[in-house]
C-alpha atoms as a PDB file:
ATOM      1  CA  UNK A   1    -163.944  11.020  15.771  1.00  0.00           C
ATOM      2  CA  UNK A   2    -162.793  12.483  12.710  1.00  0.00           C
ATOM      3  CA  UNK A   3    -164.272  15.661  11.517  1.00  0.00           C
ATOM      4  CA  UNK A   4    -164.948  16.486   7.866  1.00  0.00           C
ATOM      5  CA  UNK A   5    -165.453  19.790   6.367  1.00  0.00           C
ATOM      6  CA  UNK A   6    -166.884  20.112   2.829  1.00  0.00           C
ATOM      7  CA  UNK A   7    -164.456  22.778   1.027  1.00  0.00           C
ATOM      8  CA  UNK A   8    -166.514  23.313  -1.961  1.00  0.00           C
ATOM      9  CA  UNK A   9    -170.056  21.994  -2.819  1.00  0.00           C
ATOM     10  CA  UNK A  10    -169.734  18.809  -4.999  1.00  0.00           C
ATOM     11  CA  UNK A  11    -166.067  18.299  -4.181  1.00  0.00           C
ATOM     12  CA  UNK A  12    -164.717  15.525  -2.190  1.00  0.00           C
ATOM     13  CA  UNK A  13    -164.746  16.014   1.542  1.00  0.00           C
ATOM     14  CA  UNK A  14    -161.237  16.989   2.935  1.00  0.00           C
ATOM     15  CA  UNK A  15    -159.875  15.144   6.032  1.00  0.00           C
ATOM     16  CA  UNK A  16    -159.845  17.973   9.245  1.00  0.00           C
ATOM     17  CA  UNK A  17    -157.759  16.730  12.303  1.00  0.00           C
ATOM     18  CA  UNK A  18    -159.936  16.563  15.253  1.00  0.00           C
ATOM     19  CA  UNK A  19    -158.389  19.145  17.246  1.00  0.00           C
ATOM     20  CA  UNK A  20    -158.234  21.725  14.511  1.00  0.00           C
ATOM     21  CA  UNK A  21    -160.273  23.538  12.124  1.00  0.00           C
ATOM     22  CA  UNK A  22    -157.296  23.277   9.144  1.00  0.00           C
ATOM     23  CA  UNK A  23    -157.674  20.841   6.295  1.00  0.00           C
ATOM     24  CA  UNK A  24    -154.362  18.619   5.827  1.00  0.00           C
ATOM     25  CA  UNK A  25    -153.733  20.626   2.420  1.00  0.00           C
ATOM     26  CA  UNK A  26    -153.938  23.850   4.934  1.00  0.00           C
ATOM     27  CA  UNK A  27    -151.525  22.199   7.133  1.00  0.00           C
ATOM     28  CA  UNK A  28    -149.173  21.123   4.742  1.00  0.00           C
ATOM     29  CA  UNK A  29    -149.191  24.693   3.446  1.00  0.00           C
ATOM     30  CA  UNK A  30    -148.337  25.963   6.617  1.00  0.00           C
ATOM     31  CA  UNK A  31    -145.347  23.560   7.017  1.00  0.00           C
ATOM     32  CA  UNK A  32    -144.002  24.468   3.802  1.00  0.00           C
ATOM     33  CA  UNK A  33    -144.293  28.537   4.561  1.00  0.00           C
ATOM     34  CA  UNK A  34    -142.621  27.942   7.981  1.00  0.00           C
ATOM     35  CA  UNK A  35    -139.873  26.034   6.182  1.00  0.00           C
ATOM     36  CA  UNK A  36    -139.195  29.251   4.164  1.00  0.00           C
ATOM     37  CA  UNK A  37    -140.750  28.208   0.967  1.00  0.00           C
ATOM     38  CA  UNK A  38    -142.660  30.845  -1.471  1.00  0.00           C
ATOM     39  CA  UNK A  39    -146.464  30.947  -1.829  1.00  0.00           C
ATOM     40  CA  UNK A  40    -145.838  29.205  -4.956  1.00  0.00           C
ATOM     41  CA  UNK A  41    -143.802  26.366  -3.595  1.00  0.00           C
ATOM     42  CA  UNK A  42    -146.398  25.907  -0.909  1.00  0.00           C
ATOM     43  CA  UNK A  43    -149.258  25.624  -3.422  1.00  0.00           C
ATOM     44  CA  UNK A  44    -147.515  22.769  -5.133  1.00  0.00           C
ATOM     45  CA  UNK A  45    -146.413  21.092  -1.992  1.00  0.00           C
ATOM     46  CA  UNK A  46    -150.197  20.812  -0.979  1.00  0.00           C
ATOM     47  CA  UNK A  47    -151.471  20.368  -4.345  1.00  0.00           C
ATOM     48  CA  UNK A  48    -153.510  23.896  -4.237  1.00  0.00           C
ATOM     49  CA  UNK A  49    -153.482  27.047  -6.110  1.00  0.00           C
ATOM     50  CA  UNK A  50    -151.725  30.090  -5.308  1.00  0.00           C
ATOM     51  CA  UNK A  51    -154.872  31.873  -4.853  1.00  0.00           C
ATOM     52  CA  UNK A  52    -156.022  29.292  -2.375  1.00  0.00           C
ATOM     53  CA  UNK A  53    -153.053  30.056  -0.273  1.00  0.00           C
ATOM     54  CA  UNK A  54    -153.461  33.702  -0.122  1.00  0.00           C
ATOM     55  CA  UNK A  55    -157.239  33.379   0.692  1.00  0.00           C
ATOM     56  CA  UNK A  56    -156.426  30.847   3.481  1.00  0.00           C
ATOM     57  CA  UNK A  57    -153.640  33.572   4.792  1.00  0.00           C
ATOM     58  CA  UNK A  58    -156.656  35.927   5.090  1.00  0.00           C
ATOM     59  CA  UNK A  59    -158.635  33.369   7.376  1.00  0.00           C
ATOM     60  CA  UNK A  60    -158.249  33.807  11.086  1.00  0.00           C
ATOM     61  CA  UNK A  61    -157.806  30.214  11.703  1.00  0.00           C
ATOM     62  CA  UNK A  62    -155.159  29.907   9.106  1.00  0.00           C
ATOM     63  CA  UNK A  63    -153.460  33.032  10.282  1.00  0.00           C
ATOM     64  CA  UNK A  64    -153.449  31.833  13.813  1.00  0.00           C
ATOM     65  CA  UNK A  65    -151.962  28.089  12.949  1.00  0.00           C
ATOM     66  CA  UNK A  66    -149.257  30.109  10.674  1.00  0.00           C
ATOM     67  CA  UNK A  67    -148.594  32.412  13.634  1.00  0.00           C
ATOM     68  CA  UNK A  68    -148.069  29.648  16.154  1.00  0.00           C
ATOM     69  CA  UNK A  69    -146.085  27.524  13.815  1.00  0.00           C
ATOM     70  CA  UNK A  70    -143.630  30.322  13.239  1.00  0.00           C
ATOM     71  CA  UNK A  71    -143.530  30.977  17.078  1.00  0.00           C
ATOM     72  CA  UNK A  72    -142.601  27.430  17.624  1.00  0.00           C
ATOM     73  CA  UNK A  73    -139.740  27.312  14.965  1.00  0.00           C
ATOM     74  CA  UNK A  74    -138.447  30.710  16.537  1.00  0.00           C
ATOM     75  CA  UNK A  75    -138.739  29.171  20.055  1.00  0.00           C
ATOM     76  CA  UNK A  76    -136.502  26.197  18.759  1.00  0.00           C
ATOM     77  CA  UNK A  77    -134.041  28.688  17.286  1.00  0.00           C
ATOM     78  CA  UNK A  78    -133.851  30.371  20.503  1.00  0.00           C
ATOM     79  CA  UNK A  79    -133.291  27.452  22.686  1.00  0.00           C
ATOM     80  CA  UNK A  80    -130.436  26.398  20.207  1.00  0.00           C
ATOM     81  CA  UNK A  81    -129.016  30.009  20.478  1.00  0.00           C
ATOM     82  CA  UNK A  82    -129.076  29.596  24.387  1.00  0.00           C
ATOM     83  CA  UNK A  83    -127.488  26.194  24.376  1.00  0.00           C
ATOM     84  CA  UNK A  84    -124.578  27.105  22.088  1.00  0.00           C
ATOM     85  CA  UNK A  85    -123.903  30.403  23.858  1.00  0.00           C
ATOM     86  CA  UNK A  86    -121.579  28.580  26.356  1.00  0.00           C
ATOM     87  CA  UNK A  87    -119.742  27.015  23.497  1.00  0.00           C
ATOM     88  CA  UNK A  88    -119.388  30.423  21.880  1.00  0.00           C
ATOM     89  CA  UNK A  89    -117.961  31.911  25.467  1.00  0.00           C
ATOM     90  CA  UNK A  90    -115.571  28.830  25.606  1.00  0.00           C
ATOM     91  CA  UNK A  91    -114.514  29.413  21.943  1.00  0.00           C
ATOM     92  CA  UNK A  92    -113.690  32.940  22.816  1.00  0.00           C
ATOM     93  CA  UNK A  93    -111.840  32.147  25.973  1.00  0.00           C
ATOM     94  CA  UNK A  94    -109.809  29.554  24.162  1.00  0.00           C
ATOM     95  CA  UNK A  95    -108.823  31.763  21.397  1.00  0.00           C
ATOM     96  CA  UNK A  96    -107.794  34.414  23.964  1.00  0.00           C
ATOM     97  CA  UNK A  97    -105.659  32.264  26.145  1.00  0.00           C
ATOM     98  CA  UNK A  98    -103.727  29.997  24.011  1.00  0.00           C
ATOM     99  CA  UNK A  99    -102.882  28.970  20.670  1.00  0.00           C
ATOM    100  CA  UNK A 100    -104.899  25.764  20.246  1.00  0.00           C
ATOM    101  CA  UNK A 101    -102.812  24.904  16.924  1.00  0.00           C
ATOM    102  CA  UNK A 102    -105.346  26.126  14.473  1.00  0.00           C
ATOM    103  CA  UNK A 103    -104.383  28.392  12.084  1.00  0.00           C
ATOM    104  CA  UNK A 104    -104.773  32.263  12.351  1.00  0.00           C
ATOM    105  CA  UNK A 105    -107.483  32.253   9.806  1.00  0.00           C
ATOM    106  CA  UNK A 106    -109.527  29.383  11.497  1.00  0.00           C
ATOM    107  CA  UNK A 107    -109.221  30.827  14.842  1.00  0.00           C
ATOM    108  CA  UNK A 108    -110.527  34.240  13.325  1.00  0.00           C
ATOM    109  CA  UNK A 109    -113.686  32.488  11.756  1.00  0.00           C
ATOM    110  CA  UNK A 110    -114.206  30.869  15.155  1.00  0.00           C
ATOM    111  CA  UNK A 111    -114.146  34.074  17.059  1.00  0.00           C
ATOM    112  CA  UNK A 112    -116.146  35.992  14.401  1.00  0.00           C
ATOM    113  CA  UNK A 113    -118.994  33.064  14.711  1.00  0.00           C
ATOM    114  CA  UNK A 114    -118.872  33.216  18.377  1.00  0.00           C
ATOM    115  CA  UNK A 115    -119.277  36.976  18.358  1.00  0.00           C
ATOM    116  CA  UNK A 116    -122.188  36.726  16.050  1.00  0.00           C
ATOM    117  CA  UNK A 117    -123.835  34.299  18.178  1.00  0.00           C
ATOM    118  CA  UNK A 118    -123.471  36.180  21.401  1.00  0.00           C
ATOM    119  CA  UNK A 119    -124.709  39.395  19.674  1.00  0.00           C
ATOM    120  CA  UNK A 120    -127.873  37.664  18.818  1.00  0.00           C
ATOM    121  CA  UNK A 121    -128.254  36.338  22.295  1.00  0.00           C
ATOM    122  CA  UNK A 122    -127.952  39.882  23.591  1.00  0.00           C
ATOM    123  CA  UNK A 123    -130.145  41.007  21.118  1.00  0.00           C
ATOM    124  CA  UNK A 124    -132.810  38.501  21.922  1.00  0.00           C
ATOM    125  CA  UNK A 125    -132.369  39.458  25.684  1.00  0.00           C
ATOM    126  CA  UNK A 126    -133.021  42.884  24.821  1.00  0.00           C
ATOM    127  CA  UNK A 127    -136.065  42.084  22.782  1.00  0.00           C
ATOM    128  CA  UNK A 128    -137.535  40.151  25.585  1.00  0.00           C
ATOM    129  CA  UNK A 129    -136.903  43.047  28.084  1.00  0.00           C
ATOM    130  CA  UNK A 130    -138.671  45.440  25.763  1.00  0.00           C
ATOM    131  CA  UNK A 131    -141.486  43.022  25.354  1.00  0.00           C
ATOM    132  CA  UNK A 132    -141.925  42.871  29.305  1.00  0.00           C
ATOM    133  CA  UNK A 133    -141.802  46.691  29.356  1.00  0.00           C
ATOM    134  CA  UNK A 134    -144.349  46.941  26.642  1.00  0.00           C
ATOM    135  CA  UNK A 135    -146.689  44.425  28.485  1.00  0.00           C
ATOM    136  CA  UNK A 136    -146.251  46.433  31.842  1.00  0.00           C
ATOM    137  CA  UNK A 137    -147.347  49.797  30.152  1.00  0.00           C
ATOM    138  CA  UNK A 138    -150.349  47.719  28.377  1.00  0.00           C
ATOM    139  CA  UNK A 139    -151.258  46.531  31.795  1.00  0.00           C
ATOM    140  CA  UNK A 140    -151.006  50.049  33.496  1.00  0.00           C
ATOM    141  CA  UNK A 141    -153.005  51.479  30.514  1.00  0.00           C
ATOM    142  CA  UNK A 142    -155.762  48.949  31.080  1.00  0.00           C
ATOM    143  CA  UNK A 143    -155.842  49.696  34.667  1.00  0.00           C
ATOM    144  CA  UNK A 144    -155.826  53.573  34.015  1.00  0.00           C
ATOM    145  CA  UNK A 145    -158.702  53.097  31.647  1.00  0.00           C
ATOM    146  CA  UNK A 146    -160.812  50.778  34.172  1.00  0.00           C
ATOM    147  CA  UNK A 147    -160.418  53.568  36.826  1.00  0.00           C
ATOM    148  CA  UNK A 148    -161.277  56.428  34.480  1.00  0.00           C
ATOM    149  CA  UNK A 149    -164.564  54.344  33.899  1.00  0.00           C
ATOM    150  CA  UNK A 150    -165.264  53.681  37.262  1.00  0.00           C
ATOM    151  CA  UNK A 151    -163.681  56.732  39.454  1.00  0.00           C
ATOM    152  CA  UNK A 152    -163.332  55.905  42.833  1.00  0.00           C
ATOM    153  CA  UNK A 153    -165.316  59.204  44.209  1.00  0.00           C
ATOM    154  CA  UNK A 154    -168.572  57.879  42.532  1.00  0.00           C
ATOM    155  CA  UNK A 155    -168.399  54.783  44.291  1.00  0.00           C
END
Protein backbone atom coordinates (compact mmCIF):
# COMPACT_ATOMS: atom_id res chain seq x y z
CA UNK A 1 0.00 0.00 0.00
CA UNK A 2 1.35 3.41 -0.91
CA UNK A 3 1.68 6.02 1.81
CA UNK A 4 0.84 9.63 1.14
CA UNK A 5 2.02 12.65 3.04
CA UNK A 6 0.66 16.13 2.71
CA UNK A 7 3.60 18.49 2.23
CA UNK A 8 1.62 21.71 2.58
CA UNK A 9 -2.06 22.19 3.35
CA UNK A 10 -3.99 22.92 0.17
CA UNK A 11 -1.24 21.47 -2.04
CA UNK A 12 -1.40 18.22 -3.99
CA UNK A 13 -0.32 15.13 -2.04
CA UNK A 14 3.16 13.87 -2.79
CA UNK A 15 3.96 10.21 -3.27
CA UNK A 16 6.04 8.60 -0.53
CA UNK A 17 7.64 5.22 -1.03
CA UNK A 18 6.29 2.48 1.26
CA UNK A 19 9.55 1.90 3.14
CA UNK A 20 10.66 5.49 3.37
CA UNK A 21 9.44 8.74 4.81
CA UNK A 22 10.91 10.81 1.97
CA UNK A 23 8.92 12.20 -0.90
CA UNK A 24 9.85 11.47 -4.49
CA UNK A 25 11.16 15.05 -4.75
CA UNK A 26 13.41 14.52 -1.74
CA UNK A 27 14.70 11.26 -3.19
CA UNK A 28 15.50 13.00 -6.50
CA UNK A 29 17.27 15.76 -4.56
CA UNK A 30 19.39 13.17 -2.74
CA UNK A 31 20.28 11.47 -6.02
CA UNK A 32 21.39 14.81 -7.45
CA UNK A 33 23.40 15.79 -4.38
CA UNK A 34 25.13 12.41 -4.26
CA UNK A 35 25.97 12.81 -7.95
CA UNK A 36 27.94 15.92 -6.98
CA UNK A 37 25.46 18.54 -8.09
CA UNK A 38 25.05 21.83 -6.25
CA UNK A 39 21.99 22.62 -4.14
CA UNK A 40 20.77 24.89 -6.94
CA UNK A 41 21.13 22.10 -9.51
CA UNK A 42 19.49 19.58 -7.18
CA UNK A 43 16.60 21.96 -6.62
CA UNK A 44 16.14 22.31 -10.36
CA UNK A 45 16.32 18.53 -10.86
CA UNK A 46 13.58 17.84 -8.34
CA UNK A 47 11.48 20.94 -9.08
CA UNK A 48 11.90 22.38 -5.59
CA UNK A 49 13.35 25.62 -4.26
CA UNK A 50 16.85 25.97 -2.87
CA UNK A 51 15.25 26.87 0.46
CA UNK A 52 13.39 23.55 0.42
CA UNK A 53 16.63 21.64 -0.14
CA UNK A 54 18.34 23.48 2.73
CA UNK A 55 15.31 22.85 4.96
CA UNK A 56 15.32 19.15 4.05
CA UNK A 57 19.03 18.96 4.84
CA UNK A 58 18.18 19.93 8.44
CA UNK A 59 15.54 17.17 8.76
CA UNK A 60 16.79 13.96 10.37
CA UNK A 61 15.17 11.57 7.85
CA UNK A 62 16.66 13.47 4.91
CA UNK A 63 20.08 13.75 6.59
CA UNK A 64 20.08 10.02 7.31
CA UNK A 65 19.04 9.10 3.76
CA UNK A 66 21.64 11.47 2.27
CA UNK A 67 24.35 10.02 4.51
CA UNK A 68 23.36 6.46 3.57
CA UNK A 69 23.35 7.32 -0.14
CA UNK A 70 26.80 8.90 0.12
CA UNK A 71 28.04 5.86 2.05
CA UNK A 72 26.73 3.58 -0.69
CA UNK A 73 28.60 5.57 -3.35
CA UNK A 74 31.76 5.51 -1.24
CA UNK A 75 31.44 1.76 -0.73
CA UNK A 76 31.12 1.23 -4.49
CA UNK A 77 34.19 3.39 -5.06
CA UNK A 78 36.17 1.46 -2.48
CA UNK A 79 35.15 -1.82 -4.09
CA UNK A 80 36.46 -0.56 -7.43
CA UNK A 81 39.64 0.67 -5.77
CA UNK A 82 40.29 -2.79 -4.36
CA UNK A 83 39.42 -4.49 -7.65
CA UNK A 84 41.93 -2.36 -9.58
CA UNK A 85 44.71 -2.73 -7.02
CA UNK A 86 45.85 -6.00 -8.59
CA UNK A 87 45.97 -4.33 -12.00
CA UNK A 88 48.04 -1.51 -10.50
CA UNK A 89 50.51 -4.00 -9.04
CA UNK A 90 50.68 -5.80 -12.40
CA UNK A 91 51.33 -2.46 -14.11
CA UNK A 92 54.19 -1.64 -11.77
CA UNK A 93 55.71 -5.10 -12.20
CA UNK A 94 55.34 -4.98 -15.99
CA UNK A 95 57.01 -1.58 -16.21
CA UNK A 96 59.80 -2.62 -13.86
CA UNK A 97 60.65 -5.90 -15.57
CA UNK A 98 60.47 -5.19 -19.27
CA UNK A 99 59.95 -2.66 -21.98
CA UNK A 100 56.46 -3.45 -23.18
CA UNK A 101 56.85 -1.40 -26.34
CA UNK A 102 55.11 1.66 -24.95
CA UNK A 103 56.88 5.00 -24.98
CA UNK A 104 58.59 6.19 -21.82
CA UNK A 105 55.91 8.87 -21.43
CA UNK A 106 53.08 6.31 -21.54
CA UNK A 107 54.90 4.01 -19.14
CA UNK A 108 55.45 6.96 -16.80
CA UNK A 109 51.76 7.82 -16.83
CA UNK A 110 50.86 4.18 -16.16
CA UNK A 111 53.26 3.99 -13.23
CA UNK A 112 52.02 7.27 -11.71
CA UNK A 113 48.40 6.12 -12.04
CA UNK A 114 49.23 2.78 -10.44
CA UNK A 115 51.09 4.53 -7.61
CA UNK A 116 48.16 6.89 -6.99
CA UNK A 117 45.71 3.99 -6.86
CA UNK A 118 47.87 1.98 -4.48
CA UNK A 119 48.47 5.05 -2.28
CA UNK A 120 44.71 5.59 -2.08
CA UNK A 121 44.25 1.94 -1.16
CA UNK A 122 46.83 2.22 1.61
CA UNK A 123 45.14 5.38 2.94
CA UNK A 124 41.75 3.67 2.98
CA UNK A 125 43.28 0.71 4.83
CA UNK A 126 44.81 3.07 7.41
CA UNK A 127 41.47 4.84 7.81
CA UNK A 128 39.71 1.52 8.48
CA UNK A 129 42.36 0.61 11.06
CA UNK A 130 41.85 3.97 12.81
CA UNK A 131 38.07 3.51 12.75
CA UNK A 132 38.48 0.10 14.38
CA UNK A 133 40.75 1.59 17.05
CA UNK A 134 38.28 4.42 17.75
CA UNK A 135 35.43 1.91 18.02
CA UNK A 136 37.48 -0.20 20.46
CA UNK A 137 38.20 2.91 22.57
CA UNK A 138 34.50 3.84 22.56
CA UNK A 139 33.64 0.35 23.73
CA UNK A 140 36.23 0.57 26.52
CA UNK A 141 34.87 3.97 27.58
CA UNK A 142 31.32 2.63 27.60
CA UNK A 143 32.38 -0.33 29.74
CA UNK A 144 34.29 1.95 32.11
CA UNK A 145 31.25 4.23 32.45
CA UNK A 146 29.04 1.22 33.20
CA UNK A 147 31.47 0.02 35.85
CA UNK A 148 31.66 3.48 37.46
CA UNK A 149 27.85 3.62 37.64
CA UNK A 150 27.69 0.15 39.19
CA UNK A 151 30.93 -0.42 41.13
CA UNK A 152 31.62 -4.05 42.00
CA UNK A 153 32.16 -3.27 45.67
CA UNK A 154 28.50 -2.14 45.95
CA UNK A 155 27.17 -5.42 44.59
